[in-house]
Amino acid sequence: MIDDYQEFLLKIKDQVSKIGMKLVKDTDYSAEFERPDGYRLVFEGERYYRPLVGISIRPPGEIEDFSLSILMKVYQNQESITLPAPSLDNQIDFLIANIDGWIWNTEHYKKAYKAINEPWTNN
């Protein structure tokens, strides 16, 4: 990962180790982490608009990634609670708190996730 994103990468690496994720791929603008159960986390840095970053996860058996910031929005709506803004730290905290619970069962959020995400991807 390029120098502009090293601080972010090191912070993520330290935090996701708490849930058994290990770094499996590291390129200039992205890094991937994986758990033994097949869960993947992808951290991507923007090439031209630094320090813009994105974090997504791919549960085992899924072919699509899910943006953690959108998952936070879906969770807020479903649970009728207010979460903090989806900063890098808050997204990782959300993942750690929910990976083995709410996030694990994709069936209860896939439809709501697509409703939020598809307007952005179909333009």
C-alpha atoms as a PDB file:
ATOM      1  CA  MET A   1       0.000   0.000   0.000  1.00  0.00           C
ATOM      2  CA  ILE A   2       1.331   3.446  -0.872  1.00  0.00           C
ATOM      3  CA  ASP A   3       2.592   5.718   1.902  1.00  0.00           C
ATOM      4  CA  ASP A   4      -0.575   7.883   1.901  1.00  0.00           C
ATOM      5  CA  TYR A   5      -2.584   4.880   3.108  1.00  0.00           C
ATOM      6  CA  GLN A   6      -0.090   3.109   5.375  1.00  0.00           C
ATOM      7  CA  GLU A   7      -1.460   4.655   8.566  1.00  0.00           C
ATOM      8  CA  PHE A   8      -4.991   3.513   7.668  1.00  0.00           C
ATOM      9  CA  LEU A   9      -3.773   0.045   6.728  1.00  0.00           C
ATOM     10  CA  LEU A  10      -1.872  -0.430   9.982  1.00  0.00           C
ATOM     11  CA  LYS A  11      -4.883   0.711  12.017  1.00  0.00           C
ATOM     12  CA  ILE A  12      -7.216  -1.681  10.176  1.00  0.00           C
ATOM     13  CA  LYS A  13      -4.728  -4.543  10.435  1.00  0.00           C
ATOM     14  CA  ASP A  14      -4.474  -4.088  14.192  1.00  0.00           C
ATOM     15  CA  GLN A  15      -8.243  -3.838  14.709  1.00  0.00           C
ATOM     16  CA  VAL A  16      -9.376  -6.741  12.502  1.00  0.00           C
ATOM     17  CA  SER A  17      -6.821  -9.072  14.063  1.00  0.00           C
ATOM     18  CA  LYS A  18      -9.215  -9.035  17.062  1.00  0.00           C
ATOM     19  CA  ILE A  19     -11.758 -10.948  14.948  1.00  0.00           C
ATOM     20  CA  GLY A  20      -9.224 -13.350  13.437  1.00  0.00           C
ATOM     21  CA  MET A  21      -8.596 -11.556  10.134  1.00  0.00           C
ATOM     22  CA  LYS A  22      -5.161 -11.660   8.561  1.00  0.00           C
ATOM     23  CA  LEU A  23      -3.720  -9.631   5.684  1.00  0.00           C
ATOM     24  CA  VAL A  24      -3.722 -11.824   2.547  1.00  0.00           C
ATOM     25  CA  LYS A  25      -3.178  -9.258  -0.226  1.00  0.00           C
ATOM     26  CA  ASP A  26      -1.529  -5.833  -0.291  1.00  0.00           C
ATOM     27  CA  THR A  27      -1.246  -3.713  -3.450  1.00  0.00           C
ATOM     28  CA  ASP A  28      -0.663   0.014  -4.014  1.00  0.00           C
ATOM     29  CA  TYR A  29      -4.311   0.984  -3.528  1.00  0.00           C
ATOM     30  CA  SER A  30      -6.000  -1.985  -1.875  1.00  0.00           C
ATOM     31  CA  ALA A  31      -5.544  -4.582   0.821  1.00  0.00           C
ATOM     32  CA  GLU A  32      -7.532  -7.706   1.601  1.00  0.00           C
ATOM     33  CA  PHE A  33      -7.961  -9.474   4.907  1.00  0.00           C
ATOM     34  CA  GLU A  34      -9.487 -12.893   5.487  1.00  0.00           C
ATOM     35  CA  ARG A  35     -10.709 -15.019   8.390  1.00  0.00           C
ATOM     36  CA  PRO A  36     -10.380 -18.812   8.459  1.00  0.00           C
ATOM     37  CA  ASP A  37     -14.174 -19.081   7.971  1.00  0.00           C
ATOM     38  CA  GLY A  38     -13.882 -17.294   4.607  1.00  0.00           C
ATOM     39  CA  TYR A  39     -14.983 -13.784   5.584  1.00  0.00           C
ATOM     40  CA  ARG A  40     -13.116 -11.168   3.510  1.00  0.00           C
ATOM     41  CA  LEU A  41     -12.566  -7.483   4.141  1.00  0.00           C
ATOM     42  CA  VAL A  42     -11.379  -5.232   1.320  1.00  0.00           C
ATOM     43  CA  PHE A  43      -9.805  -1.850   2.075  1.00  0.00           C
ATOM     44  CA  GLU A  44      -9.443   0.407  -0.969  1.00  0.00           C
ATOM     45  CA  GLY A  45      -7.763   3.769  -1.278  1.00  0.00           C
ATOM     46  CA  GLU A  46      -8.631   6.219  -4.027  1.00  0.00           C
ATOM     47  CA  ARG A  47      -5.809   6.776  -6.491  1.00  0.00           C
ATOM     48  CA  TYR A  48      -6.523  10.443  -7.295  1.00  0.00           C
ATOM     49  CA  TYR A  49      -8.658  11.818  -4.442  1.00  0.00           C
ATOM     50  CA  ARG A  50      -6.597  10.976  -1.403  1.00  0.00           C
ATOM     51  CA  PRO A  51      -7.235  10.161   1.360  1.00  0.00           C
ATOM     52  CA  LEU A  52     -10.636   8.832   0.235  1.00  0.00           C
ATOM     53  CA  VAL A  53     -11.068   5.217   1.351  1.00  0.00           C
ATOM     54  CA  GLY A  54     -13.662   2.462   1.193  1.00  0.00           C
ATOM     55  CA  ILE A  55     -14.178  -0.683   3.232  1.00  0.00           C
ATOM     56  CA  SER A  56     -16.289  -3.607   2.124  1.00  0.00           C
ATOM     57  CA  ILE A  57     -16.843  -7.155   3.295  1.00  0.00           C
ATOM     58  CA  ARG A  58     -17.682 -10.406   1.563  1.00  0.00           C
ATOM     59  CA  PRO A  59     -19.354 -13.031   3.723  1.00  0.00           C
ATOM     60  CA  PRO A  60     -18.552 -16.696   3.004  1.00  0.00           C
ATOM     61  CA  GLY A  61     -20.551 -18.044   0.070  1.00  0.00           C
ATOM     62  CA  GLU A  62     -21.367 -14.597  -1.352  1.00  0.00           C
ATOM     63  CA  ILE A  63     -20.148 -13.322  -4.716  1.00  0.00           C
ATOM     64  CA  GLU A  64     -20.693  -9.616  -4.004  1.00  0.00           C
ATOM     65  CA  ASP A  65     -18.992  -7.301  -1.562  1.00  0.00           C
ATOM     66  CA  PHE A  66     -21.020  -5.177   0.855  1.00  0.00           C
ATOM     67  CA  SER A  67     -19.902  -1.629   1.690  1.00  0.00           C
ATOM     68  CA  LEU A  68     -19.658  -1.245   5.458  1.00  0.00           C
ATOM     69  CA  SER A  69     -20.915   2.350   5.329  1.00  0.00           C
ATOM     70  CA  ILE A  70     -24.096   1.208   3.543  1.00  0.00           C
ATOM     71  CA  LEU A  71     -24.483  -1.733   5.935  1.00  0.00           C
ATOM     72  CA  MET A  72     -24.335   0.744   8.809  1.00  0.00           C
ATOM     73  CA  LYS A  73     -27.179   2.706   7.202  1.00  0.00           C
ATOM     74  CA  VAL A  74     -29.263  -0.462   6.743  1.00  0.00           C
ATOM     75  CA  TYR A  75     -28.599  -1.498  10.354  1.00  0.00           C
ATOM     76  CA  GLN A  76     -29.708   1.920  11.620  1.00  0.00           C
ATOM     77  CA  ASN A  77     -32.956   1.671   9.674  1.00  0.00           C
ATOM     78  CA  GLN A  78     -33.713  -1.905  10.728  1.00  0.00           C
ATOM     79  CA  GLU A  79     -32.829  -1.452  14.385  1.00  0.00           C
ATOM     80  CA  SER A  80     -34.233   2.116  14.681  1.00  0.00           C
ATOM     81  CA  ILE A  81     -31.035   3.406  16.259  1.00  0.00           C
ATOM     82  CA  THR A  82     -28.511   6.102  15.427  1.00  0.00           C
ATOM     83  CA  LEU A  83     -24.941   5.078  14.719  1.00  0.00           C
ATOM     84  CA  PRO A  84     -21.989   7.473  14.535  1.00  0.00           C
ATOM     85  CA  ALA A  85     -20.875   8.742  11.117  1.00  0.00           C
ATOM     86  CA  PRO A  86     -19.223   6.001   9.010  1.00  0.00           C
ATOM     87  CA  SER A  87     -15.615   7.059   9.561  1.00  0.00           C
ATOM     88  CA  LEU A  88     -12.918   4.452   9.085  1.00  0.00           C
ATOM     89  CA  ASP A  89     -12.791   3.781  12.836  1.00  0.00           C
ATOM     90  CA  ASN A  90     -16.570   3.588  13.173  1.00  0.00           C
ATOM     91  CA  GLN A  91     -16.885   1.179  10.247  1.00  0.00           C
ATOM     92  CA  ILE A  92     -14.292  -1.149  11.761  1.00  0.00           C
ATOM     93  CA  ASP A  93     -15.948  -0.901  15.192  1.00  0.00           C
ATOM     94  CA  PHE A  94     -19.300  -1.768  13.580  1.00  0.00           C
ATOM     95  CA  LEU A  95     -17.742  -4.767  11.825  1.00  0.00           C
ATOM     96  CA  ILE A  96     -16.115  -6.070  15.003  1.00  0.00           C
ATOM     97  CA  ALA A  97     -19.344  -5.684  16.988  1.00  0.00           C
ATOM     98  CA  ASN A  98     -21.581  -7.331  14.374  1.00  0.00           C
ATOM     99  CA  ILE A  99     -19.579  -9.782  12.233  1.00  0.00           C
ATOM    100  CA  ASP A 100     -20.712 -12.868  14.117  1.00  0.00           C
ATOM    101  CA  GLY A 101     -24.269 -11.638  14.595  1.00  0.00           C
ATOM    102  CA  TRP A 102     -26.243  -9.283  12.383  1.00  0.00           C
ATOM    103  CA  ILE A 103     -23.716  -9.188   9.501  1.00  0.00           C
ATOM    104  CA  TRP A 104     -23.423 -12.987   9.347  1.00  0.00           C
ATOM    105  CA  ASN A 105     -27.017 -13.501   8.127  1.00  0.00           C
ATOM    106  CA  THR A 106     -27.089 -11.679   4.780  1.00  0.00           C
ATOM    107  CA  GLU A 107     -30.709 -12.630   4.100  1.00  0.00           C
ATOM    108  CA  HIS A 108     -32.089 -10.061   6.500  1.00  0.00           C
ATOM    109  CA  TYR A 109     -30.256  -7.128   4.904  1.00  0.00           C
ATOM    110  CA  LYS A 110     -29.601  -7.971   1.224  1.00  0.00           C
ATOM    111  CA  LYS A 111     -32.845  -6.454  -0.077  1.00  0.00           C
ATOM    112  CA  ALA A 112     -32.485  -3.237   1.942  1.00  0.00           C
ATOM    113  CA  TYR A 113     -28.803  -2.985   0.961  1.00  0.00           C
ATOM    114  CA  LYS A 114     -29.649  -3.276  -2.741  1.00  0.00           C
ATOM    115  CA  ALA A 115     -32.372  -0.633  -2.424  1.00  0.00           C
ATOM    116  CA  ILE A 116     -29.780   1.843  -1.131  1.00  0.00           C
ATOM    117  CA  ASN A 117     -26.872   0.773  -3.354  1.00  0.00           C
ATOM    118  CA  GLU A 118     -28.507   0.172  -6.753  1.00  0.00           C
ATOM    119  CA  PRO A 119     -29.468   3.793  -7.503  1.00  0.00           C
ATOM    120  CA  TRP A 120     -25.734   4.591  -7.317  1.00  0.00           C
ATOM    121  CA  THR A 121     -24.575   1.645  -9.416  1.00  0.00           C
ATOM    122  CA  ASN A 122     -27.164   1.919 -12.219  1.00  0.00           C
ATOM    123  CA  ASN A 123     -26.312   5.433 -13.428  1.00  0.00           C
END
